[in-house]
C-alpha atoms as a PDB file:
ATOM      1  CA  MET A   1    -100.288 -66.094 118.733  1.00  0.00           C
ATOM      2  CA  THR A   2     -98.018 -66.255 121.754  1.00  0.00           C
ATOM      3  CA  ALA A   3     -97.500 -70.000 121.211  1.00  0.00           C
ATOM      4  CA  ASN A   4     -96.226 -69.386 117.682  1.00  0.00           C
ATOM      5  CA  VAL A   5     -93.664 -66.820 118.865  1.00  0.00           C
ATOM      6  CA  HIS A   6     -92.471 -69.213 121.581  1.00  0.00           C
ATOM      7  CA  GLU A   7     -92.285 -72.063 119.045  1.00  0.00           C
ATOM      8  CA  GLU A   8     -90.204 -69.979 116.610  1.00  0.00           C
ATOM      9  CA  THR A   9     -87.856 -68.896 119.415  1.00  0.00           C
ATOM     10  CA  SER A  10     -87.366 -72.518 120.531  1.00  0.00           C
ATOM     11  CA  THR A  11     -86.674 -73.604 116.949  1.00  0.00           C
ATOM     12  CA  ALA A  12     -84.122 -70.807 116.463  1.00  0.00           C
ATOM     13  CA  ALA A  13     -82.423 -71.675 119.773  1.00  0.00           C
ATOM     14  CA  ALA A  14     -82.232 -75.359 118.792  1.00  0.00           C
ATOM     15  CA  ALA A  15     -80.710 -74.439 115.415  1.00  0.00           C
ATOM     16  CA  GLU A  16     -78.066 -72.273 117.117  1.00  0.00           C
ATOM     17  CA  ALA A  17     -77.222 -75.044 119.586  1.00  0.00           C
ATOM     18  CA  THR A  18     -76.506 -77.497 116.760  1.00  0.00           C
ATOM     19  CA  GLU A  19     -74.634 -74.995 114.596  1.00  0.00           C
ATOM     20  CA  LEU A  20     -71.127 -76.172 113.711  1.00  0.00           C
ATOM     21  CA  PRO A  21     -68.022 -74.005 113.993  1.00  0.00           C
ATOM     22  CA  THR A  22     -66.939 -72.219 110.816  1.00  0.00           C
ATOM     23  CA  HIS A  23     -63.491 -71.735 109.266  1.00  0.00           C
ATOM     24  CA  GLY A  24     -61.595 -69.087 107.303  1.00  0.00           C
ATOM     25  CA  VAL A  25     -60.962 -71.031 104.079  1.00  0.00           C
ATOM     26  CA  LEU A  26     -62.410 -69.634 100.853  1.00  0.00           C
ATOM     27  CA  ILE A  27     -63.217 -71.490  97.652  1.00  0.00           C
ATOM     28  CA  SER A  28     -63.407 -69.761  94.256  1.00  0.00           C
ATOM     29  CA  ASP A  29     -66.542 -69.943  92.123  1.00  0.00           C
ATOM     30  CA  VAL A  30     -64.586 -71.995  89.569  1.00  0.00           C
ATOM     31  CA  ALA A  31     -63.471 -74.521  92.213  1.00  0.00           C
ATOM     32  CA  ALA A  32     -66.973 -74.714  93.734  1.00  0.00           C
ATOM     33  CA  GLY A  33     -68.360 -75.328  90.251  1.00  0.00           C
ATOM     34  CA  LYS A  34     -65.875 -78.156  89.697  1.00  0.00           C
ATOM     35  CA  VAL A  35     -66.827 -79.727  93.044  1.00  0.00           C
ATOM     36  CA  ARG A  36     -70.528 -79.483  92.092  1.00  0.00           C
ATOM     37  CA  SER A  37     -69.785 -81.095  88.726  1.00  0.00           C
ATOM     38  CA  LEU A  38     -67.836 -83.970  90.323  1.00  0.00           C
ATOM     39  CA  LEU A  39     -70.611 -84.601  92.855  1.00  0.00           C
ATOM     40  CA  GLU A  40     -73.206 -84.644  90.064  1.00  0.00           C
ATOM     41  CA  GLN A  41     -71.084 -87.192  88.183  1.00  0.00           C
ATOM     42  CA  GLU A  42     -70.991 -89.350  91.315  1.00  0.00           C
ATOM     43  CA  GLY A  43     -74.750 -88.940  91.764  1.00  0.00           C
ATOM     44  CA  ARG A  44     -74.205 -88.129  95.454  1.00  0.00           C
ATOM     45  CA  THR A  45     -75.798 -85.289  97.362  1.00  0.00           C
ATOM     46  CA  ASP A  46     -74.548 -86.407 100.790  1.00  0.00           C
ATOM     47  CA  LEU A  47     -70.849 -85.630 100.243  1.00  0.00           C
ATOM     48  CA  ARG A  48     -68.787 -82.637 101.337  1.00  0.00           C
ATOM     49  CA  LEU A  49     -65.333 -81.463 100.272  1.00  0.00           C
ATOM     50  CA  ARG A  50     -62.990 -82.223 103.147  1.00  0.00           C
ATOM     51  CA  VAL A  51     -59.705 -80.308 103.286  1.00  0.00           C
ATOM     52  CA  ALA A  52     -57.044 -81.511 105.700  1.00  0.00           C
ATOM     53  CA  VAL A  53     -53.382 -81.062 106.525  1.00  0.00           C
ATOM     54  CA  GLN A  54     -51.400 -84.243 107.227  1.00  0.00           C
ATOM     55  CA  PRO A  55     -47.753 -84.940 108.061  1.00  0.00           C
ATOM     56  CA  GLY A  56     -45.757 -85.957 104.990  1.00  0.00           C
ATOM     57  CA  GLY A  57     -44.145 -84.751 101.791  1.00  0.00           C
ATOM     58  CA  CYS A  58     -40.738 -83.153 101.255  1.00  0.00           C
ATOM     59  CA  SER A  59     -41.455 -80.125 103.465  1.00  0.00           C
ATOM     60  CA  GLY A  60     -43.305 -81.781 106.334  1.00  0.00           C
ATOM     61  CA  LEU A  61     -47.019 -81.221 105.631  1.00  0.00           C
ATOM     62  CA  ILE A  62     -49.303 -82.122 102.734  1.00  0.00           C
ATOM     63  CA  TYR A  63     -52.803 -81.079 101.790  1.00  0.00           C
ATOM     64  CA  GLN A  64     -55.555 -83.613 101.350  1.00  0.00           C
ATOM     65  CA  LEU A  65     -58.764 -82.843  99.454  1.00  0.00           C
ATOM     66  CA  TYR A  66     -61.396 -85.536  99.189  1.00  0.00           C
ATOM     67  CA  PHE A  67     -65.127 -86.124  99.365  1.00  0.00           C
ATOM     68  CA  ASP A  68     -66.461 -87.262 102.710  1.00  0.00           C
ATOM     69  CA  GLU A  69     -69.927 -88.132 103.950  1.00  0.00           C
ATOM     70  CA  ARG A  70     -68.905 -87.994 107.609  1.00  0.00           C
ATOM     71  CA  MET A  71     -68.991 -85.092 110.041  1.00  0.00           C
ATOM     72  CA  LEU A  72     -66.426 -85.612 112.786  1.00  0.00           C
ATOM     73  CA  ASP A  73     -66.420 -84.140 116.271  1.00  0.00           C
ATOM     74  CA  GLY A  74     -64.891 -80.657 116.122  1.00  0.00           C
ATOM     75  CA  ASP A  75     -65.243 -80.247 112.334  1.00  0.00           C
ATOM     76  CA  ALA A  76     -65.590 -76.704 111.035  1.00  0.00           C
ATOM     77  CA  VAL A  77     -67.885 -76.287 108.026  1.00  0.00           C
ATOM     78  CA  ARG A  78     -68.689 -73.487 105.615  1.00  0.00           C
ATOM     79  CA  ASP A  79     -71.204 -73.521 102.781  1.00  0.00           C
ATOM     80  CA  PHE A  80     -70.383 -71.965  99.409  1.00  0.00           C
ATOM     81  CA  ASP A  81     -73.628 -71.860  97.462  1.00  0.00           C
ATOM     82  CA  GLY A  82     -74.434 -75.505  98.158  1.00  0.00           C
ATOM     83  CA  VAL A  83     -70.849 -76.778  98.319  1.00  0.00           C
ATOM     84  CA  GLU A  84     -69.897 -77.614 101.894  1.00  0.00           C
ATOM     85  CA  VAL A  85     -66.204 -77.366 102.737  1.00  0.00           C
ATOM     86  CA  VAL A  86     -65.284 -79.231 105.941  1.00  0.00           C
ATOM     87  CA  ILE A  87     -62.031 -78.960 107.880  1.00  0.00           C
ATOM     88  CA  ASP A  88     -61.045 -80.997 110.937  1.00  0.00           C
ATOM     89  CA  LYS A  89     -60.218 -79.086 114.104  1.00  0.00           C
ATOM     90  CA  MET A  90     -56.474 -79.886 113.920  1.00  0.00           C
ATOM     91  CA  SER A  91     -56.160 -78.525 110.352  1.00  0.00           C
ATOM     92  CA  VAL A  92     -58.113 -75.282 110.891  1.00  0.00           C
ATOM     93  CA  PRO A  93     -55.139 -73.213 112.202  1.00  0.00           C
ATOM     94  CA  TYR A  94     -52.906 -74.350 109.305  1.00  0.00           C
ATOM     95  CA  LEU A  95     -55.531 -73.395 106.708  1.00  0.00           C
ATOM     96  CA  ASP A  96     -57.024 -70.181 108.107  1.00  0.00           C
ATOM     97  CA  GLY A  97     -57.077 -67.576 105.336  1.00  0.00           C
ATOM     98  CA  ALA A  98     -56.260 -70.091 102.591  1.00  0.00           C
ATOM     99  CA  SER A  99     -58.112 -70.067  99.279  1.00  0.00           C
ATOM    100  CA  ILE A 100     -58.901 -73.011  97.027  1.00  0.00           C
ATOM    101  CA  ASP A 101     -59.070 -72.625  93.263  1.00  0.00           C
ATOM    102  CA  PHE A 102     -59.227 -74.928  90.267  1.00  0.00           C
ATOM    103  CA  GLU A 103     -56.895 -74.661  87.263  1.00  0.00           C
ATOM    104  CA  ASP A 104     -57.625 -76.213  83.902  1.00  0.00           C
ATOM    105  CA  THR A 105     -54.787 -75.331  81.550  1.00  0.00           C
ATOM    106  CA  ILE A 106     -52.487 -77.222  79.196  1.00  0.00           C
ATOM    107  CA  SER A 107     -49.762 -77.334  81.837  1.00  0.00           C
ATOM    108  CA  LYS A 108     -51.889 -78.042  84.906  1.00  0.00           C
ATOM    109  CA  GLN A 109     -55.285 -79.378  85.834  1.00  0.00           C
ATOM    110  CA  GLY A 110     -56.459 -79.656  89.416  1.00  0.00           C
ATOM    111  CA  PHE A 111     -57.235 -77.900  92.645  1.00  0.00           C
ATOM    112  CA  THR A 112     -54.723 -75.419  94.033  1.00  0.00           C
ATOM    113  CA  ILE A 113     -54.410 -74.008  97.528  1.00  0.00           C
ATOM    114  CA  ASP A 114     -52.974 -70.571  98.205  1.00  0.00           C
ATOM    115  CA  ASN A 115     -52.089 -70.643 101.891  1.00  0.00           C
ATOM    116  CA  PRO A 116     -50.693 -67.540 103.633  1.00  0.00           C
ATOM    117  CA  ASN A 117     -49.692 -69.721 106.621  1.00  0.00           C
ATOM    118  CA  ALA A 118     -47.210 -71.806 104.616  1.00  0.00           C
ATOM    119  CA  GLY A 119     -43.661 -70.731 105.454  1.00  0.00           C
ATOM    120  CA  GLY A 120     -42.350 -72.400 102.312  1.00  0.00           C
ATOM    121  CA  SER A 121     -42.934 -75.341 100.033  1.00  0.00           C
ATOM    122  CA  CYS A 122     -40.918 -77.991  98.254  1.00  0.00           C
ATOM    123  CA  ALA A 123     -39.873 -77.754  94.611  1.00  0.00           C
ATOM    124  CA  CYS A 124     -42.732 -79.975  93.470  1.00  0.00           C
ATOM    125  CA  GLY A 125     -45.262 -77.757  95.288  1.00  0.00           C
ATOM    126  CA  ASP A 126     -47.095 -80.678  96.878  1.00  0.00           C
ATOM    127  CA  SER A 127     -46.015 -80.052 100.471  1.00  0.00           C
ATOM    128  CA  PHE A 128     -45.309 -77.101 102.754  1.00  0.00           C
ATOM    129  CA  HIS A 129     -44.016 -76.106 106.165  1.00  0.00           C
END
């Protein structure tokens, strides 16, 4: 019996040692459902939604959302009912507290990001500062 307790403790310690950092980005149930649907269409179970901030656009920074099979050094990850959202370590501060949603209306279809860290955005809404 003592061996089992020691084994469980070692397993738990190993799991904690390999645990990745987390981030403060949220994803709505609707957006998570859309990601799940897209992954099912692709027939891939090894992909994650990567969210990044890159230089560019009218206001200086643009968002990038894409599927990625890689985990990079320093990535922060958070699971939303089977949908993993990954953010690189340089983008985490720009996205902390942001929420991702999905709109499907006559005037707009696609993912949206509500980011409290954005000081402003351009007229087209594709970039921020």
